[in-house]
């Protein structure tokens, strides 16, 4: 065994495919996803009863002894930076943070550092077990730079796979609070459509009818569903709750703009903000008024249902107050209207039962 490598070993607890059996048999402290195990088998790092195996699909029987040799996690090509984080919850598998507006989630062109990933690399130093063999936090969803609120990040391979699966099957609870231009009529509803990159303005997303394709975008538009409900009518504005079934780029911003109620301060989708401009200017409010207030999911390792809430940040509380909000400092639980599950049915269980996922 080379320096930096580690060994995971044990006995197969159940029969069937090798990759599945290994994923189910690995001890909790060294949990590996099936995809990671497949890659390790391909690299010749898995043996069964003393013999190296090469096929993830081979059938195995309970009791067989396995050894997995794990290489040292490769470093991520990003720099750890001591950037303050508001940590809402953390364990060995995942971390939930309350992201401030202005913080980019992942390094990219124009933002090579100073991001949430850079902050997490510093905060989680020595705790990342490796996502796909790389020592990095597992980003399973993102929120825009100038949107504030809750974000969950995986610290282990098995957590990354479990969270990604829940986001893919839309069983994650996500509720946003937004301040919109004007007062929506009707006051609640479900917005659907295909969201794709705008054909001429690459900074914008475009909303298309269900089933539509955008030739300029290569047909890569994605189905999007947002349930919205007005919580309070304000001075030529409204406090609105938006719950997501899908998570597309700019989804809430695009959907609310599509019905004529763009988010206050939105520099991309709000065409005119004359009635609120004096207040926005006075407060120096120069971002979309959008906050990821609730995040709920099944813990990918323990199976426990966990749910977090985040109060409106100071800038949105002040804007809400100036627009005539009844109580800008009340807890999020008091602001929200109650769970809106799939199909927009108020009171639907969230997350859905396991057999519904």
Protein backbone atom coordinates (compact mmCIF):
# COMPACT_ATOMS: atom_id res chain seq x y z
CA UNK A 1 0.00 0.00 0.00
CA UNK A 2 1.39 3.39 -1.00
CA UNK A 3 1.71 6.33 1.38
CA UNK A 4 -1.57 8.20 1.72
CA UNK A 5 -3.70 5.20 0.77
CA UNK A 6 -6.20 3.64 3.17
CA UNK A 7 -8.00 0.30 3.43
CA UNK A 8 -11.70 -0.42 3.79
CA UNK A 9 -12.56 -4.06 4.43
CA UNK A 10 -15.34 -6.25 5.72
CA UNK A 11 -17.81 -8.96 4.77
CA UNK A 12 -20.52 -8.72 2.14
CA UNK A 13 -23.82 -8.39 4.00
CA UNK A 14 -26.17 -9.11 1.11
CA UNK A 15 -26.11 -10.73 -2.30
CA UNK A 16 -26.63 -9.34 -5.79
CA UNK A 17 -24.47 -7.01 -7.86
CA UNK A 18 -21.00 -6.39 -6.50
CA UNK A 19 -21.16 -2.58 -6.62
CA UNK A 20 -24.50 -2.47 -4.80
CA UNK A 21 -23.43 -5.06 -2.24
CA UNK A 22 -20.21 -3.17 -1.48
CA UNK A 23 -22.05 0.14 -1.12
CA UNK A 24 -24.39 -1.51 1.40
CA UNK A 25 -21.60 -3.34 3.23
CA UNK A 26 -19.04 -0.56 3.74
CA UNK A 27 -18.90 0.68 7.33
CA UNK A 28 -20.62 4.03 7.98
CA UNK A 29 -17.36 5.84 8.66
CA UNK A 30 -16.07 4.86 5.21
CA UNK A 31 -19.31 4.95 3.21
CA UNK A 32 -18.82 4.96 -0.58
CA UNK A 33 -21.35 5.54 -3.35
CA UNK A 34 -21.95 2.94 -6.05
CA UNK A 35 -20.45 5.26 -8.67
CA UNK A 36 -17.28 5.68 -6.61
CA UNK A 37 -17.07 1.90 -6.09
CA UNK A 38 -17.44 1.30 -9.84
CA UNK A 39 -14.52 3.65 -10.47
CA UNK A 40 -12.38 1.89 -7.85
CA UNK A 41 -13.18 -1.51 -9.38
CA UNK A 42 -12.08 -0.15 -12.77
CA UNK A 43 -8.82 0.99 -11.20
CA UNK A 44 -8.16 -2.51 -9.82
CA UNK A 45 -8.52 -1.41 -6.20
CA UNK A 46 -11.14 -3.95 -5.10
CA UNK A 47 -10.57 -7.58 -4.16
CA UNK A 48 -12.99 -10.29 -3.09
CA UNK A 49 -11.77 -13.26 -1.06
CA UNK A 50 -8.19 -12.38 -1.99
CA UNK A 51 -8.75 -11.95 -5.74
CA UNK A 52 -8.99 -8.69 -7.62
CA UNK A 53 -12.33 -8.12 -9.33
CA UNK A 54 -12.96 -6.20 -12.52
CA UNK A 55 -16.72 -6.28 -13.09
CA UNK A 56 -19.09 -4.14 -11.01
CA UNK A 57 -22.04 -6.22 -12.21
CA UNK A 58 -20.73 -9.61 -11.06
CA UNK A 59 -22.96 -11.47 -8.62
CA UNK A 60 -21.74 -12.01 -5.07
CA UNK A 61 -22.98 -13.97 -2.08
CA UNK A 62 -23.19 -12.88 1.57
CA UNK A 63 -20.12 -13.50 3.70
CA UNK A 64 -17.46 -12.90 1.04
CA UNK A 65 -14.56 -10.83 2.38
CA UNK A 66 -13.76 -7.64 0.51
CA UNK A 67 -10.85 -5.21 0.57
CA UNK A 68 -11.00 -1.76 -1.05
CA UNK A 69 -7.80 0.26 -1.36
CA UNK A 70 -8.60 3.95 -1.35
CA UNK A 71 -6.09 6.35 -2.91
CA UNK A 72 -5.36 9.61 -1.14
CA UNK A 73 -7.93 12.18 -2.22
CA UNK A 74 -6.49 14.44 -4.89
CA UNK A 75 -6.45 18.14 -4.00
CA UNK A 76 -8.98 20.41 -5.67
CA UNK A 77 -7.60 23.11 -7.93
CA UNK A 78 -8.96 25.82 -5.64
CA UNK A 79 -7.43 27.67 -2.71
CA UNK A 80 -8.74 27.39 0.84
CA UNK A 81 -9.61 30.85 2.12
CA UNK A 82 -10.59 32.00 5.60
CA UNK A 83 -13.96 33.49 4.69
CA UNK A 84 -16.54 33.68 7.53
CA UNK A 85 -19.42 31.22 7.22
CA UNK A 86 -22.80 31.13 8.96
CA UNK A 87 -23.03 27.39 9.65
CA UNK A 88 -26.57 26.27 10.44
CA UNK A 89 -25.81 22.55 10.77
CA UNK A 90 -22.82 20.28 10.27
CA UNK A 91 -21.92 16.63 10.71
CA UNK A 92 -19.35 14.29 9.16
CA UNK A 93 -21.38 13.93 5.96
CA UNK A 94 -22.81 17.36 5.15
CA UNK A 95 -22.95 21.02 6.06
CA UNK A 96 -25.79 23.55 5.79
CA UNK A 97 -24.81 27.20 5.49
CA UNK A 98 -26.77 30.46 5.39
CA UNK A 99 -25.16 32.20 2.42
CA UNK A 100 -25.07 36.00 2.41
CA UNK A 101 -25.97 37.93 -0.73
CA UNK A 102 -22.86 38.76 -2.74
CA UNK A 103 -21.06 35.44 -2.19
CA UNK A 104 -20.56 33.30 -5.32
CA UNK A 105 -21.02 29.56 -4.72
CA UNK A 106 -18.34 28.09 -7.02
CA UNK A 107 -15.15 29.46 -8.64
CA UNK A 108 -15.65 30.34 -12.29
CA UNK A 109 -14.48 32.81 -14.89
CA UNK A 110 -14.64 36.23 -13.28
CA UNK A 111 -14.72 34.74 -9.76
CA UNK A 112 -11.62 32.53 -9.41
CA UNK A 113 -11.65 32.80 -5.60
CA UNK A 114 -13.50 34.38 -2.72
CA UNK A 115 -16.33 31.87 -3.19
CA UNK A 116 -18.29 29.57 -0.92
CA UNK A 117 -16.17 26.62 -2.13
CA UNK A 118 -12.99 28.45 -1.10
CA UNK A 119 -14.52 29.13 2.31
CA UNK A 120 -15.60 25.51 2.74
CA UNK A 121 -12.16 24.18 1.82
CA UNK A 122 -10.80 26.20 4.75
CA UNK A 123 -13.63 25.42 7.16
CA UNK A 124 -13.68 21.67 6.36
CA UNK A 125 -9.89 21.18 6.18
CA UNK A 126 -9.13 17.51 6.88
CA UNK A 127 -12.84 16.58 6.98
CA UNK A 128 -13.55 16.05 3.27
CA UNK A 129 -13.52 12.33 2.42
CA UNK A 130 -13.42 13.05 -1.29
CA UNK A 131 -16.17 13.42 -3.86
CA UNK A 132 -15.29 11.13 -6.74
CA UNK A 133 -11.77 10.83 -5.34
CA UNK A 134 -11.18 14.58 -5.09
CA UNK A 135 -10.98 16.39 -1.73
CA UNK A 136 -13.72 18.91 -2.37
CA UNK A 137 -17.11 19.93 -1.04
CA UNK A 138 -19.93 18.39 -3.06
CA UNK A 139 -22.03 21.19 -4.53
CA UNK A 140 -25.43 19.62 -5.24
CA UNK A 141 -27.34 22.86 -5.82
CA UNK A 142 -26.61 26.56 -6.12
CA UNK A 143 -28.25 29.87 -5.44
CA UNK A 144 -27.38 33.03 -7.33
CA UNK A 145 -24.59 35.30 -6.12
CA UNK A 146 -27.03 38.01 -5.04
CA UNK A 147 -29.61 35.65 -3.53
CA UNK A 148 -29.22 34.94 0.18
CA UNK A 149 -30.19 31.90 2.19
CA UNK A 150 -29.80 28.21 2.90
CA UNK A 151 -27.58 25.82 0.95
CA UNK A 152 -26.60 22.20 1.71
CA UNK A 153 -23.19 20.87 0.68
CA UNK A 154 -21.93 17.27 0.85
CA UNK A 155 -18.71 16.40 2.66
CA UNK A 156 -18.65 12.72 1.68
CA UNK A 157 -19.21 10.73 -1.49
CA UNK A 158 -22.25 8.89 -0.15
CA UNK A 159 -23.87 12.14 1.02
CA UNK A 160 -23.22 13.72 -2.37
CA UNK A 161 -24.94 10.86 -4.18
CA UNK A 162 -27.88 10.76 -1.75
CA UNK A 163 -28.51 14.51 -1.87
CA UNK A 164 -28.14 14.61 -5.66
CA UNK A 165 -30.75 11.86 -5.94
CA UNK A 166 -33.22 13.84 -3.83
CA UNK A 167 -32.69 16.98 -5.90
CA UNK A 168 -33.16 14.92 -9.06
CA UNK A 169 -36.46 13.41 -7.90
CA UNK A 170 -37.68 16.78 -6.55
CA UNK A 171 -38.22 15.52 -2.98
CA UNK A 172 -36.25 18.39 -1.40
CA UNK A 173 -38.31 21.09 0.34
CA UNK A 174 -37.24 24.55 -0.79
CA UNK A 175 -39.17 27.70 0.12
CA UNK A 176 -38.08 31.20 -0.91
CA UNK A 177 -39.31 34.58 0.27
CA UNK A 178 -39.43 37.31 -2.37
CA UNK A 179 -40.47 40.94 -2.60
CA UNK A 180 -42.16 41.57 -5.92
CA UNK A 181 -43.19 44.53 -8.01
CA UNK A 182 -46.93 45.01 -7.74
CA UNK A 183 -49.52 42.72 -6.15
CA UNK A 184 -50.13 39.35 -7.87
CA UNK A 185 -53.65 38.55 -9.08
CA UNK A 186 -54.52 35.79 -8.53
CA UNK A 187 -52.70 35.73 -5.22
CA UNK A 188 -51.52 32.15 -5.60
CA UNK A 189 -50.88 29.63 -8.33
CA UNK A 190 -48.45 27.31 -10.09
CA UNK A 191 -46.09 28.52 -12.80
CA UNK A 192 -44.82 26.05 -15.38
CA UNK A 193 -42.69 26.18 -18.49
CA UNK A 194 -39.33 25.41 -20.01
CA UNK A 195 -36.43 27.56 -18.86
CA UNK A 196 -33.51 27.87 -21.28
CA UNK A 197 -30.62 30.22 -21.96
CA UNK A 198 -31.80 33.33 -23.80
CA UNK A 199 -30.82 33.10 -27.50
CA UNK A 200 -29.24 36.59 -27.67
CA UNK A 201 -28.53 37.66 -24.07
CA UNK A 202 -26.38 35.05 -22.33
CA UNK A 203 -26.92 36.66 -18.92
CA UNK A 204 -30.65 35.99 -19.09
CA UNK A 205 -32.82 32.91 -19.06
CA UNK A 206 -35.96 32.65 -21.18
CA UNK A 207 -39.29 31.03 -20.36
CA UNK A 208 -40.88 28.89 -23.07
CA UNK A 209 -44.23 27.03 -23.17
CA UNK A 210 -44.35 23.43 -21.99
CA UNK A 211 -42.84 21.08 -24.58
CA UNK A 212 -41.15 23.90 -26.51
CA UNK A 213 -37.60 23.68 -27.82
CA UNK A 214 -35.22 26.52 -28.49
CA UNK A 215 -33.11 25.76 -31.60
CA UNK A 216 -30.46 28.31 -30.67
CA UNK A 217 -30.05 26.55 -27.34
CA UNK A 218 -29.73 23.08 -28.87
CA UNK A 219 -32.97 21.97 -27.19
CA UNK A 220 -31.40 22.09 -23.72
CA UNK A 221 -34.28 23.88 -22.00
CA UNK A 222 -35.44 22.33 -18.72
CA UNK A 223 -38.92 21.81 -17.32
CA UNK A 224 -39.57 24.12 -14.34
CA UNK A 225 -42.38 24.35 -11.74
CA UNK A 226 -42.83 27.03 -9.06
CA UNK A 227 -45.76 27.28 -6.62
CA UNK A 228 -46.31 30.83 -5.36
CA UNK A 229 -48.54 32.43 -2.74
CA UNK A 230 -48.79 36.07 -1.71
CA UNK A 231 -48.24 36.42 2.03
CA UNK A 232 -48.79 40.17 2.37
CA UNK A 233 -49.83 43.04 0.11
CA UNK A 234 -47.49 46.01 0.48
CA UNK A 235 -47.18 49.50 -1.03
CA UNK A 236 -47.30 48.66 -4.77
CA UNK A 237 -45.36 45.50 -3.92
CA UNK A 238 -45.91 42.15 -2.23
CA UNK A 239 -44.23 39.62 0.01
CA UNK A 240 -44.47 36.30 -1.81
CA UNK A 241 -43.59 32.73 -0.87
CA UNK A 242 -42.25 30.56 -3.69
CA UNK A 243 -41.81 26.81 -3.35
CA UNK A 244 -39.79 24.95 -5.94
CA UNK A 245 -40.47 21.54 -7.41
CA UNK A 246 -37.50 21.96 -9.74
CA UNK A 247 -34.34 24.01 -9.36
CA UNK A 248 -33.43 25.81 -12.58
CA UNK A 249 -31.13 28.77 -13.10
CA UNK A 250 -32.97 31.99 -12.15
CA UNK A 251 -36.19 29.97 -11.77
CA UNK A 252 -38.06 32.19 -9.28
CA UNK A 253 -36.84 35.36 -10.96
CA UNK A 254 -37.93 34.21 -14.43
CA UNK A 255 -41.27 32.80 -13.31
CA UNK A 256 -42.34 35.86 -11.31
CA UNK A 257 -41.24 38.21 -14.09
CA UNK A 258 -43.29 36.15 -16.55
CA UNK A 259 -46.53 37.14 -14.77
CA UNK A 260 -45.54 40.80 -14.52
CA UNK A 261 -44.23 40.72 -10.96
CA UNK A 262 -40.45 40.74 -11.20
CA UNK A 263 -38.48 40.81 -7.98
CA UNK A 264 -37.63 44.20 -6.55
CA UNK A 265 -34.03 45.20 -7.23
CA UNK A 266 -33.55 42.53 -9.91
CA UNK A 267 -31.04 44.07 -12.35
CA UNK A 268 -31.84 41.55 -15.11
CA UNK A 269 -35.58 40.86 -15.14
CA UNK A 270 -37.16 43.96 -13.54
CA UNK A 271 -37.80 46.29 -16.48
CA UNK A 272 -38.98 49.36 -14.57
CA UNK A 273 -38.94 50.09 -10.85
CA UNK A 274 -40.04 53.73 -10.83
CA UNK A 275 -42.51 53.42 -7.95
CA UNK A 276 -39.96 51.77 -5.63
CA UNK A 277 -36.80 53.40 -6.99
CA UNK A 278 -36.60 56.14 -4.30
CA UNK A 279 -36.71 53.54 -1.50
CA UNK A 280 -34.29 51.18 -3.24
CA UNK A 281 -31.85 54.05 -3.84
CA UNK A 282 -32.12 55.36 -0.29
CA UNK A 283 -31.48 51.90 1.16
CA UNK A 284 -28.74 51.09 -1.35
CA UNK A 285 -30.66 47.92 -2.22
CA UNK A 286 -29.08 46.70 -5.47
CA UNK A 287 -29.90 42.99 -5.67
CA UNK A 288 -32.92 40.81 -6.33
CA UNK A 289 -35.08 40.67 -3.19
CA UNK A 290 -34.93 36.89 -2.85
CA UNK A 291 -34.04 34.71 0.15
CA UNK A 292 -33.85 30.90 0.42
CA UNK A 293 -35.75 30.67 3.70
CA UNK A 294 -36.49 26.94 4.16
CA UNK A 295 -34.55 23.81 3.26
CA UNK A 296 -35.71 20.32 4.17
CA UNK A 297 -34.56 16.84 3.13
CA UNK A 298 -33.88 13.30 4.26
CA UNK A 299 -30.39 12.93 5.68
CA UNK A 300 -28.62 10.86 3.00
CA UNK A 301 -26.94 8.60 5.56
CA UNK A 302 -29.22 8.40 8.62
CA UNK A 303 -32.54 8.72 6.76
CA UNK A 304 -33.72 11.29 9.32
CA UNK A 305 -35.99 14.09 8.08
CA UNK A 306 -34.27 17.40 8.80
CA UNK A 307 -35.52 20.92 8.10
CA UNK A 308 -33.93 24.33 8.51
CA UNK A 309 -35.22 27.88 8.30
CA UNK A 310 -33.48 31.22 7.95
CA UNK A 311 -34.90 34.63 8.83
CA UNK A 312 -34.88 37.39 6.25
CA UNK A 313 -31.51 39.16 6.11
CA UNK A 314 -31.25 42.74 7.38
CA UNK A 315 -31.46 44.40 3.96
CA UNK A 316 -34.70 42.61 3.04
CA UNK A 317 -36.19 43.21 6.50
CA UNK A 318 -35.54 46.93 6.14
CA UNK A 319 -37.02 46.99 2.63
CA UNK A 320 -40.07 45.06 3.82
CA UNK A 321 -40.53 47.53 6.67
CA UNK A 322 -40.27 50.55 4.35
CA UNK A 323 -42.88 49.02 2.05
CA UNK A 324 -45.35 48.72 4.91
CA UNK A 325 -44.74 45.16 6.03
CA UNK A 326 -46.66 44.30 9.19
CA UNK A 327 -43.72 42.80 11.10
CA UNK A 328 -40.42 42.53 9.26
CA UNK A 329 -38.69 40.96 12.28
CA UNK A 330 -41.03 38.03 12.80
CA UNK A 331 -39.62 34.48 12.42
CA UNK A 332 -39.77 32.73 9.06
CA UNK A 333 -42.25 30.19 10.48
CA UNK A 334 -44.69 33.05 11.07
CA UNK A 335 -44.22 34.45 7.57
CA UNK A 336 -44.73 31.25 5.59
CA UNK A 337 -48.22 30.14 4.63
CA UNK A 338 -47.71 26.42 5.29
CA UNK A 339 -46.29 23.62 3.19
CA UNK A 340 -47.22 23.50 -0.47
CA UNK A 341 -46.36 20.07 -1.78
CA UNK A 342 -46.14 18.75 -5.33
CA UNK A 343 -49.06 19.92 -7.41
CA UNK A 344 -49.50 23.03 -5.26
CA UNK A 345 -51.65 21.30 -2.63
CA UNK A 346 -51.37 23.09 0.68
CA UNK A 347 -50.69 20.78 3.58
CA UNK A 348 -49.11 18.02 1.48
CA UNK A 349 -46.49 16.04 3.43
CA UNK A 350 -42.98 17.32 2.83
CA UNK A 351 -40.66 15.62 2.17
CA UNK A 352 -42.89 13.02 0.49
CA UNK A 353 -42.97 9.54 2.07
CA UNK A 354 -40.05 7.35 1.06
CA UNK A 355 -42.18 5.18 -1.21
CA UNK A 356 -43.30 8.31 -3.08
CA UNK A 357 -39.80 9.48 -3.85
